[in-house]
Amino acid sequence: MSNTTSNAKHPGPLSGLKVIDLTQYILGPVCTQILGDMGADVIKVETPEGDLNRDIEPQRYPHMSALFLGMNRNKRSVVLDLHNPQAKAALYKMVKSADVFIHSTRKKAAQKLGIDYATLSAINPRLIYAAGQGYTTGGPDEDRPAYNDVIQGESGISGINYLAHGEPYYFPMAFCDKFCGYVLASSVSMALYSREKTGVGQQVELPMLETVMSFNLIEHLWTGQFDQPKESLGYGRTLMKERKPFATQEGYICLMATSDLQWGRLFKALGAPEMATDPRYEKLVQCSMHFPQLYAWIAEKLQSNTTQYWLKALNDADIPCGQIRMLPDLPTDAYLKQTGFFHTYEHEKTGHMITPSIPIKYSETPGQIRTPPPILSEHTHEVLAEYGFDEQQIKLIQRSS
């Protein structure tokens, strides 16, 4: 890969970690890409058909879709048909020396395939066994299927949008899958830290519904924290219709004031310093009771001049603010170019490619983009040979049932 950083003396914080990854779709691959970015050796075990995301258009090369490319770098692809006894035996041998095993299969299916926690922890008691699933184990929905749109609805996200905009709708992204992928990566890391102290592995289960709902209720439980009636739930400032990017003469600006000092500076920057001494607005507690009126006033003010004029005025006043970025503009954005946000590389099959760089910075053990997303089964022979299988055994393992 081009433009890849390398620091052999200081590998990533998870360097040396072996991860067996049986996930597909989005939640699991996001999790394991994070682990791979941080130095783990992630072996992506796929069926002969491959991760289903491989075949969602657009794609330049078979089974290498844009969606797949976005969450599968720093992994090696191994195809194992687990209905083939030799392939399953090979998986068990890999598990024996693995640190982490991650899957996104429903519990009954995992048991049927023989990749449940009881089976694999008996093979390797130090194993961190992680699963992203829809609902809590032991609950009435533990084996129901769940995807992002379902969880957005059931967790309250669509309902929050209904309160704010008058109709329920989804965030236009796979929010639940991506967020839960990040949480699962963090949870696996904490389980590994525990293992360092105890020497014992454990099972990590992440239910999407409860994970997203807990996230939603950080602020939206609101007066429900005091056991108030359900009508009191929801943080009013974030739900009001006036809370949206503010139009200028030729674009949009986002801004937010959250303290007495910031509100005072904002009033001055918008040409109305006297509002800072108005009894309705002189303190945050008063401002919070008049947010709809204040936001409507700000919206009217900002329409009177250009985006650049207001950005300068607001930045000079040290008010958190920013210009709206549109998706097509991101690859050429000056700030992102200056900070090296995008990483470019050449893929042997898909050609010139671009991907976001690793945003988290470590002073001593930086993560690295070492390898591009793998072609289906690209590393099957290589990995099986590493585990001691000879040519004849590899041929038997690669047979589909």
Protein backbone atom coordinates (compact mmCIF):
# COMPACT_ATOMS: atom_id res chain seq x y z
CA MET A 1 0.00 0.00 0.00
CA SER A 2 1.17 3.52 -0.70
CA ASN A 3 1.24 6.27 1.90
CA THR A 4 1.32 3.70 4.69
CA THR A 5 3.11 4.64 7.88
CA SER A 6 5.42 2.09 9.43
CA ASN A 7 7.19 2.06 12.77
CA ALA A 8 8.65 -1.37 13.47
CA LYS A 9 10.02 -0.33 16.87
CA HIS A 10 6.62 0.84 18.07
CA PRO A 11 3.82 -1.33 16.64
CA GLY A 12 0.18 -0.68 17.42
CA PRO A 13 -1.19 -1.20 20.95
CA LEU A 14 -2.76 -4.56 19.97
CA SER A 15 0.27 -5.87 18.07
CA GLY A 16 0.69 -9.62 18.58
CA LEU A 17 -3.01 -10.18 19.25
CA LYS A 18 -4.68 -12.94 17.22
CA VAL A 19 -8.33 -12.36 16.31
CA ILE A 20 -10.58 -14.92 14.61
CA ASP A 21 -13.35 -12.93 12.93
CA LEU A 22 -16.52 -14.67 11.75
CA THR A 23 -18.53 -11.47 11.41
CA GLN A 24 -20.17 -9.96 8.36
CA TYR A 25 -22.49 -7.06 7.47
CA ILE A 26 -21.40 -3.92 9.43
CA LEU A 27 -21.32 -4.18 13.25
CA GLY A 28 -18.74 -6.94 13.46
CA PRO A 29 -16.50 -5.81 10.58
CA VAL A 30 -16.35 -2.28 12.04
CA CYS A 31 -15.28 -3.77 15.37
CA THR A 32 -12.60 -6.01 13.89
CA GLN A 33 -11.27 -3.29 11.59
CA ILE A 34 -10.64 -1.16 14.68
CA LEU A 35 -8.74 -4.07 16.27
CA GLY A 36 -6.79 -4.56 13.04
CA ASP A 37 -5.96 -0.86 12.79
CA MET A 38 -4.49 -1.09 16.27
CA GLY A 39 -2.15 -3.91 15.28
CA ALA A 40 -4.11 -7.13 15.79
CA ASP A 41 -3.74 -9.96 13.27
CA VAL A 42 -7.38 -10.30 12.17
CA ILE A 43 -8.22 -13.48 10.30
CA LYS A 44 -11.56 -12.97 8.56
CA VAL A 45 -13.15 -16.41 8.24
CA GLU A 46 -15.74 -16.40 5.46
CA THR A 47 -18.10 -18.86 3.84
CA PRO A 48 -17.39 -19.83 0.21
CA GLU A 49 -19.89 -17.10 -0.78
CA GLY A 50 -18.10 -14.50 1.36
CA ASP A 51 -19.33 -11.63 3.50
CA LEU A 52 -22.66 -10.56 2.00
CA ASN A 53 -21.47 -6.95 1.89
CA ARG A 54 -18.95 -7.95 -0.78
CA ASP A 55 -21.65 -7.98 -3.47
CA ILE A 56 -23.52 -4.71 -2.86
CA GLU A 57 -22.95 -2.34 -5.77
CA PRO A 58 -20.88 -0.41 -6.72
CA GLN A 59 -17.79 -2.54 -7.26
CA ARG A 60 -14.84 -2.55 -9.68
CA TYR A 61 -13.86 -6.17 -9.06
CA PRO A 62 -16.09 -9.13 -8.13
CA HIS A 63 -16.85 -9.43 -4.41
CA MET A 64 -15.05 -6.15 -3.63
CA SER A 65 -17.85 -3.63 -3.18
CA ALA A 66 -17.37 -0.08 -1.91
CA LEU A 67 -19.31 -0.96 1.25
CA PHE A 68 -17.05 -3.93 1.96
CA LEU A 69 -13.90 -1.89 1.32
CA GLY A 70 -14.93 0.64 3.94
CA MET A 71 -14.67 -1.72 6.89
CA ASN A 72 -12.32 -4.60 6.10
CA ARG A 73 -8.76 -3.29 5.85
CA ASN A 74 -5.99 -4.83 7.97
CA LYS A 75 -7.56 -8.31 7.72
CA ARG A 76 -6.70 -11.61 6.07
CA SER A 77 -9.46 -13.56 4.30
CA VAL A 78 -9.74 -17.31 4.87
CA VAL A 79 -12.61 -19.33 3.42
CA LEU A 80 -13.82 -22.21 5.57
CA ASP A 81 -17.05 -24.11 4.95
CA LEU A 82 -17.88 -25.08 8.52
CA HIS A 83 -20.19 -27.84 7.27
CA ASN A 84 -16.98 -29.59 6.18
CA PRO A 85 -15.56 -31.50 9.21
CA GLN A 86 -11.97 -30.82 8.14
CA ALA A 87 -12.67 -27.08 7.88
CA LYS A 88 -14.30 -27.02 11.31
CA ALA A 89 -11.34 -28.91 12.77
CA ALA A 90 -9.04 -26.30 11.22
CA LEU A 91 -11.08 -23.52 12.85
CA TYR A 92 -10.80 -25.23 16.22
CA LYS A 93 -7.03 -25.45 15.80
CA MET A 94 -6.92 -21.72 15.05
CA VAL A 95 -9.09 -20.98 18.10
CA LYS A 96 -6.70 -22.91 20.35
CA SER A 97 -4.03 -20.21 19.99
CA ALA A 98 -6.32 -17.21 19.40
CA ASP A 99 -6.82 -14.31 21.79
CA VAL A 100 -10.21 -13.19 20.52
CA PHE A 101 -13.06 -14.88 18.66
CA ILE A 102 -15.82 -12.62 17.32
CA HIS A 103 -18.99 -13.57 15.46
CA SER A 104 -22.33 -12.01 14.52
CA THR A 105 -24.34 -15.22 14.33
CA ARG A 106 -27.52 -15.68 16.34
CA LYS A 107 -27.10 -17.87 19.40
CA LYS A 108 -28.98 -20.95 18.16
CA ALA A 109 -27.13 -20.87 14.85
CA ALA A 110 -23.78 -20.57 16.67
CA GLN A 111 -24.63 -23.62 18.76
CA LYS A 112 -25.67 -25.56 15.67
CA LEU A 113 -22.38 -24.69 13.96
CA GLY A 114 -20.38 -25.64 17.04
CA ILE A 115 -18.95 -22.14 17.58
CA ASP A 116 -20.79 -21.35 20.81
CA TYR A 117 -18.95 -20.10 23.90
CA ALA A 118 -19.12 -23.40 25.79
CA THR A 119 -17.48 -25.26 22.91
CA LEU A 120 -14.73 -22.75 22.14
CA SER A 121 -13.86 -21.83 25.74
CA ALA A 122 -13.32 -25.54 26.42
CA ILE A 123 -10.74 -25.50 23.61
CA ASN A 124 -9.11 -22.27 24.85
CA PRO A 125 -9.96 -21.09 28.40
CA ARG A 126 -8.07 -17.80 27.79
CA LEU A 127 -10.25 -16.92 24.82
CA ILE A 128 -12.17 -13.65 24.73
CA TYR A 129 -15.36 -14.68 22.96
CA ALA A 130 -17.42 -11.75 21.67
CA ALA A 131 -20.74 -11.51 19.91
CA GLY A 132 -22.83 -8.64 18.61
CA GLN A 133 -26.49 -9.59 18.68
CA GLY A 134 -29.83 -7.86 18.51
CA TYR A 135 -31.19 -8.43 21.99
CA THR A 136 -30.20 -9.51 25.50
CA THR A 137 -29.52 -13.18 26.11
CA GLY A 138 -32.21 -14.69 28.32
CA GLY A 139 -34.82 -12.21 27.16
CA PRO A 140 -37.85 -13.11 25.03
CA ASP A 141 -36.19 -11.78 21.84
CA GLU A 142 -32.73 -13.27 22.29
CA ASP A 143 -32.81 -15.09 18.95
CA ARG A 144 -34.71 -12.56 16.85
CA PRO A 145 -32.86 -11.09 13.85
CA ALA A 146 -32.06 -7.39 14.04
CA TYR A 147 -30.62 -4.83 11.68
CA ASN A 148 -29.90 -1.12 11.93
CA ASP A 149 -33.34 0.10 10.81
CA VAL A 150 -35.16 -2.17 13.25
CA ILE A 151 -32.98 -1.07 16.16
CA GLN A 152 -33.30 2.60 15.21
CA GLY A 153 -37.05 2.17 15.58
CA GLU A 154 -37.10 0.02 18.72
CA SER A 155 -34.41 1.99 20.58
CA GLY A 156 -36.28 5.29 20.34
CA ILE A 157 -34.24 7.00 17.61
CA SER A 158 -37.19 7.21 15.22
CA GLY A 159 -39.39 8.36 18.08
CA ILE A 160 -36.90 11.10 18.98
CA ASN A 161 -37.02 12.26 15.37
CA TYR A 162 -40.82 12.25 15.58
CA LEU A 163 -40.72 14.55 18.60
CA ALA A 164 -38.27 16.88 16.86
CA HIS A 165 -39.69 16.92 13.32
CA GLY A 166 -43.25 15.64 13.46
CA GLU A 167 -42.64 12.30 11.79
CA PRO A 168 -40.52 9.25 12.59
CA TYR A 169 -37.55 8.56 10.37
CA TYR A 170 -34.13 6.91 10.43
CA PHE A 171 -30.80 8.66 10.68
CA PRO A 172 -29.50 8.33 7.08
CA MET A 173 -26.68 5.98 8.03
CA ALA A 174 -26.13 2.56 9.58
CA PHE A 175 -25.79 4.33 12.92
CA CYS A 176 -26.67 1.44 15.24
CA ASP A 177 -24.33 -1.01 13.53
CA LYS A 178 -21.39 1.39 13.47
CA PHE A 179 -21.87 2.64 17.02
CA CYS A 180 -22.22 -0.89 18.39
CA GLY A 181 -19.11 -1.92 16.44
CA TYR A 182 -17.12 0.74 18.26
CA VAL A 183 -18.57 -0.29 21.62
CA LEU A 184 -17.80 -3.96 20.95
CA ALA A 185 -14.18 -3.15 20.08
CA SER A 186 -13.88 -1.21 23.34
CA SER A 187 -15.55 -4.01 25.30
CA VAL A 188 -13.19 -6.62 23.84
CA SER A 189 -10.21 -4.47 24.80
CA MET A 190 -11.47 -4.20 28.39
CA ALA A 191 -11.96 -7.97 28.54
CA LEU A 192 -8.37 -8.41 27.34
CA TYR A 193 -7.18 -6.10 30.11
CA SER A 194 -9.06 -8.22 32.64
CA ARG A 195 -7.46 -11.35 31.22
CA GLU A 196 -4.04 -9.81 31.73
CA LYS A 197 -4.80 -9.66 35.45
CA THR A 198 -6.65 -12.96 35.87
CA GLY A 199 -5.34 -15.17 33.09
CA VAL A 200 -8.92 -16.21 32.34
CA GLY A 201 -10.96 -15.49 29.22
CA GLN A 202 -14.64 -14.64 29.16
CA GLN A 203 -17.69 -14.08 27.01
CA VAL A 204 -18.62 -10.57 25.87
CA GLU A 205 -22.18 -10.11 24.62
CA LEU A 206 -23.33 -6.83 23.10
CA PRO A 207 -27.10 -6.48 22.58
CA MET A 208 -27.72 -3.78 20.00
CA LEU A 209 -31.10 -2.66 21.36
CA GLU A 210 -30.00 -2.02 24.92
CA THR A 211 -26.64 -0.57 23.86
CA VAL A 212 -28.21 2.02 21.56
CA MET A 213 -31.05 2.74 23.97
CA SER A 214 -28.59 3.45 26.79
CA PHE A 215 -26.76 5.83 24.47
CA ASN A 216 -29.99 7.60 23.51
CA LEU A 217 -31.07 8.08 27.11
CA ILE A 218 -27.89 9.81 28.31
CA GLU A 219 -29.69 13.10 27.80
CA HIS A 220 -33.17 12.04 26.70
CA LEU A 221 -34.14 10.28 29.94
CA TRP A 222 -34.20 13.89 31.16
CA THR A 223 -36.63 14.36 34.07
CA GLY A 224 -37.23 10.64 33.93
CA GLN A 225 -34.06 10.56 36.03
CA PHE A 226 -36.31 11.84 38.84
CA ASP A 227 -38.95 9.17 38.11
CA GLN A 228 -41.24 11.75 36.54
CA PRO A 229 -44.11 10.90 34.15
CA LYS A 230 -43.12 9.63 30.71
CA GLU A 231 -44.32 12.86 29.08
CA SER A 232 -41.29 14.57 30.63
CA LEU A 233 -38.75 12.47 28.75
CA GLY A 234 -36.63 14.14 26.08
CA TYR A 235 -34.06 16.95 26.24
CA GLY A 236 -35.99 19.97 25.02
CA ARG A 237 -33.08 21.90 23.49
CA THR A 238 -32.24 19.09 21.10
CA LEU A 239 -35.87 18.42 20.18
CA MET A 240 -37.03 21.92 19.24
CA LYS A 241 -37.74 22.57 15.56
CA GLU A 242 -35.54 25.68 15.63
CA ARG A 243 -32.42 23.61 16.33
CA LYS A 244 -30.87 23.12 12.90
CA PRO A 245 -28.05 24.61 10.82
CA PHE A 246 -28.54 28.34 10.34
CA ALA A 247 -28.84 29.73 6.82
CA THR A 248 -26.60 32.63 5.79
CA GLN A 249 -26.86 34.58 2.56
CA GLU A 250 -25.24 31.74 0.60
CA GLY A 251 -24.72 28.74 2.86
CA TYR A 252 -25.18 27.29 6.33
CA ILE A 253 -23.45 27.62 9.69
CA CYS A 254 -23.60 25.51 12.83
CA LEU A 255 -22.95 27.11 16.19
CA MET A 256 -23.63 26.52 19.86
CA ALA A 257 -23.28 28.52 23.07
CA THR A 258 -23.41 26.65 26.38
CA SER A 259 -22.27 29.04 29.12
CA ASP A 260 -23.06 32.55 30.39
CA LEU A 261 -19.74 33.77 28.95
CA GLN A 262 -20.39 32.23 25.52
CA TRP A 263 -23.93 33.59 25.30
CA GLY A 264 -22.64 37.06 26.18
CA ARG A 265 -19.96 36.87 23.48
CA LEU A 266 -22.49 35.53 20.97
CA PHE A 267 -24.88 38.41 21.58
CA LYS A 268 -22.01 40.86 21.05
CA ALA A 269 -20.81 39.09 17.88
CA LEU A 270 -24.34 39.28 16.46
CA GLY A 271 -24.54 43.00 17.14
CA ALA A 272 -26.77 42.96 20.23
CA PRO A 273 -24.51 43.20 23.32
CA GLU A 274 -27.41 44.60 25.37
CA MET A 275 -29.08 41.20 25.35
CA ALA A 276 -26.44 39.95 27.80
CA THR A 277 -28.02 42.16 30.49
CA ASP A 278 -31.62 41.37 29.54
CA PRO A 279 -33.19 39.53 32.53
CA ARG A 280 -34.46 36.89 30.11
CA TYR A 281 -30.98 36.03 28.84
CA GLU A 282 -28.32 37.17 31.30
CA LYS A 283 -27.81 33.68 32.75
CA LEU A 284 -27.83 30.25 31.15
CA VAL A 285 -30.73 29.17 33.33
CA GLN A 286 -32.83 31.99 31.85
CA CYS A 287 -31.59 31.32 28.33
CA SER A 288 -32.60 27.67 28.64
CA MET A 289 -36.20 28.74 29.20
CA HIS A 290 -36.17 30.76 25.97
CA PHE A 291 -34.18 28.58 23.58
CA PRO A 292 -36.84 28.52 20.81
CA GLN A 293 -37.00 32.33 20.75
CA LEU A 294 -33.20 32.65 20.91
CA TYR A 295 -32.62 30.18 18.09
CA ALA A 296 -35.22 31.93 15.92
CA TRP A 297 -33.50 35.26 16.60
CA ILE A 298 -30.06 33.83 15.71
CA ALA A 299 -31.49 32.39 12.48
CA GLU A 300 -32.84 35.78 11.47
CA LYS A 301 -29.55 37.53 12.27
CA LEU A 302 -27.37 35.12 10.30
CA GLN A 303 -29.40 35.54 7.13
CA SER A 304 -28.18 39.14 6.93
CA ASN A 305 -24.62 38.35 5.82
CA THR A 306 -22.33 35.75 4.25
CA THR A 307 -21.00 32.52 5.73
CA GLN A 308 -17.41 33.77 5.76
CA TYR A 309 -18.42 37.04 7.43
CA TRP A 310 -20.14 35.20 10.28
CA LEU A 311 -17.43 32.56 10.63
CA LYS A 312 -14.86 35.32 11.19
CA ALA A 313 -17.08 37.16 13.65
CA LEU A 314 -17.90 34.01 15.60
CA ASN A 315 -14.33 32.71 15.63
CA ASP A 316 -13.07 36.11 16.77
CA ALA A 317 -15.57 35.85 19.63
CA ASP A 318 -14.38 32.29 20.42
CA ILE A 319 -17.82 30.81 19.76
CA PRO A 320 -17.84 27.12 18.66
CA CYS A 321 -18.98 27.26 15.05
CA GLY A 322 -18.43 25.69 11.69
CA GLN A 323 -19.50 25.66 8.06
CA ILE A 324 -21.66 22.83 6.76
CA ARG A 325 -19.64 20.29 4.77
CA MET A 326 -21.40 18.41 1.98
CA LEU A 327 -20.37 14.81 1.28
CA PRO A 328 -19.09 15.43 -2.28
CA ASP A 329 -16.80 18.16 -0.95
CA LEU A 330 -15.04 16.05 1.68
CA PRO A 331 -12.28 14.47 -0.47
CA THR A 332 -11.05 17.92 -1.54
CA ASP A 333 -11.64 19.76 1.73
CA ALA A 334 -8.62 21.93 2.64
CA TYR A 335 -8.68 21.13 6.37
CA LEU A 336 -8.93 17.38 5.76
CA LYS A 337 -6.05 17.54 3.29
CA GLN A 338 -3.91 19.48 5.74
CA THR A 339 -4.55 17.03 8.60
CA GLY A 340 -4.07 13.95 6.41
CA PHE A 341 -7.55 12.60 7.04
CA PHE A 342 -7.73 10.61 3.82
CA HIS A 343 -5.32 7.78 3.08
CA THR A 344 -4.69 6.73 -0.53
CA TYR A 345 -3.42 3.37 -1.71
CA GLU A 346 -3.22 1.12 -4.75
CA HIS A 347 -5.15 -2.15 -4.63
CA GLU A 348 -4.00 -4.85 -7.02
CA LYS A 349 -7.57 -5.54 -8.18
CA THR A 350 -9.62 -2.40 -7.49
CA GLY A 351 -7.00 0.19 -8.47
CA HIS A 352 -6.47 3.62 -6.92
CA MET A 353 -8.40 3.81 -3.64
CA ILE A 354 -9.08 6.22 -0.81
CA THR A 355 -10.03 5.48 2.79
CA PRO A 356 -10.23 7.50 6.02
CA SER A 357 -7.01 7.40 8.03
CA ILE A 358 -6.96 6.16 11.63
CA PRO A 359 -8.27 9.11 13.66
CA ILE A 360 -7.01 8.02 17.10
CA LYS A 361 -3.41 9.01 17.79
CA TYR A 362 -1.05 7.18 20.16
CA SER A 363 2.23 8.85 21.02
CA GLU A 364 4.15 5.58 21.47
CA THR A 365 2.17 2.80 19.76
CA PRO A 366 0.36 4.27 16.75
CA GLY A 367 -2.12 2.28 14.75
CA GLN A 368 -1.25 1.60 11.11
CA ILE A 369 -3.03 0.88 7.86
CA ARG A 370 -0.90 -2.08 6.88
CA THR A 371 -2.93 -4.02 4.31
CA PRO A 372 -5.91 -3.30 2.03
CA PRO A 373 -9.25 -5.12 2.30
CA PRO A 374 -8.66 -8.73 1.19
CA ILE A 375 -9.93 -10.50 -1.89
CA LEU A 376 -12.20 -13.42 -0.97
CA SER A 377 -10.03 -16.36 0.19
CA GLU A 378 -6.85 -14.40 -0.59
CA HIS A 379 -5.02 -15.73 2.49
CA THR A 380 -6.56 -19.18 2.95
CA HIS A 381 -3.47 -21.14 1.93
CA GLU A 382 -1.09 -18.77 3.72
CA VAL A 383 -2.93 -18.88 7.04
CA LEU A 384 -3.58 -22.62 7.04
CA ALA A 385 0.11 -23.24 6.32
CA GLU A 386 0.97 -21.04 9.31
CA TYR A 387 -1.08 -23.38 11.48
CA GLY A 388 0.90 -26.39 10.27
CA PHE A 389 -1.41 -27.86 7.63
CA ASP A 390 0.30 -29.48 4.64
CA GLU A 391 -0.81 -29.28 1.01
CA GLN A 392 -3.00 -32.38 1.14
CA GLN A 393 -4.70 -31.26 4.33
CA ILE A 394 -5.32 -27.78 2.90
CA LYS A 395 -7.03 -29.30 -0.14
CA LEU A 396 -9.34 -31.31 2.13
CA ILE A 397 -10.09 -28.24 4.25
CA GLN A 398 -10.94 -26.18 1.18
CA ARG A 399 -13.53 -28.65 -0.08
CA SER A 400 -17.10 -27.46 0.31
CA SER A 401 -19.58 -29.83 1.89
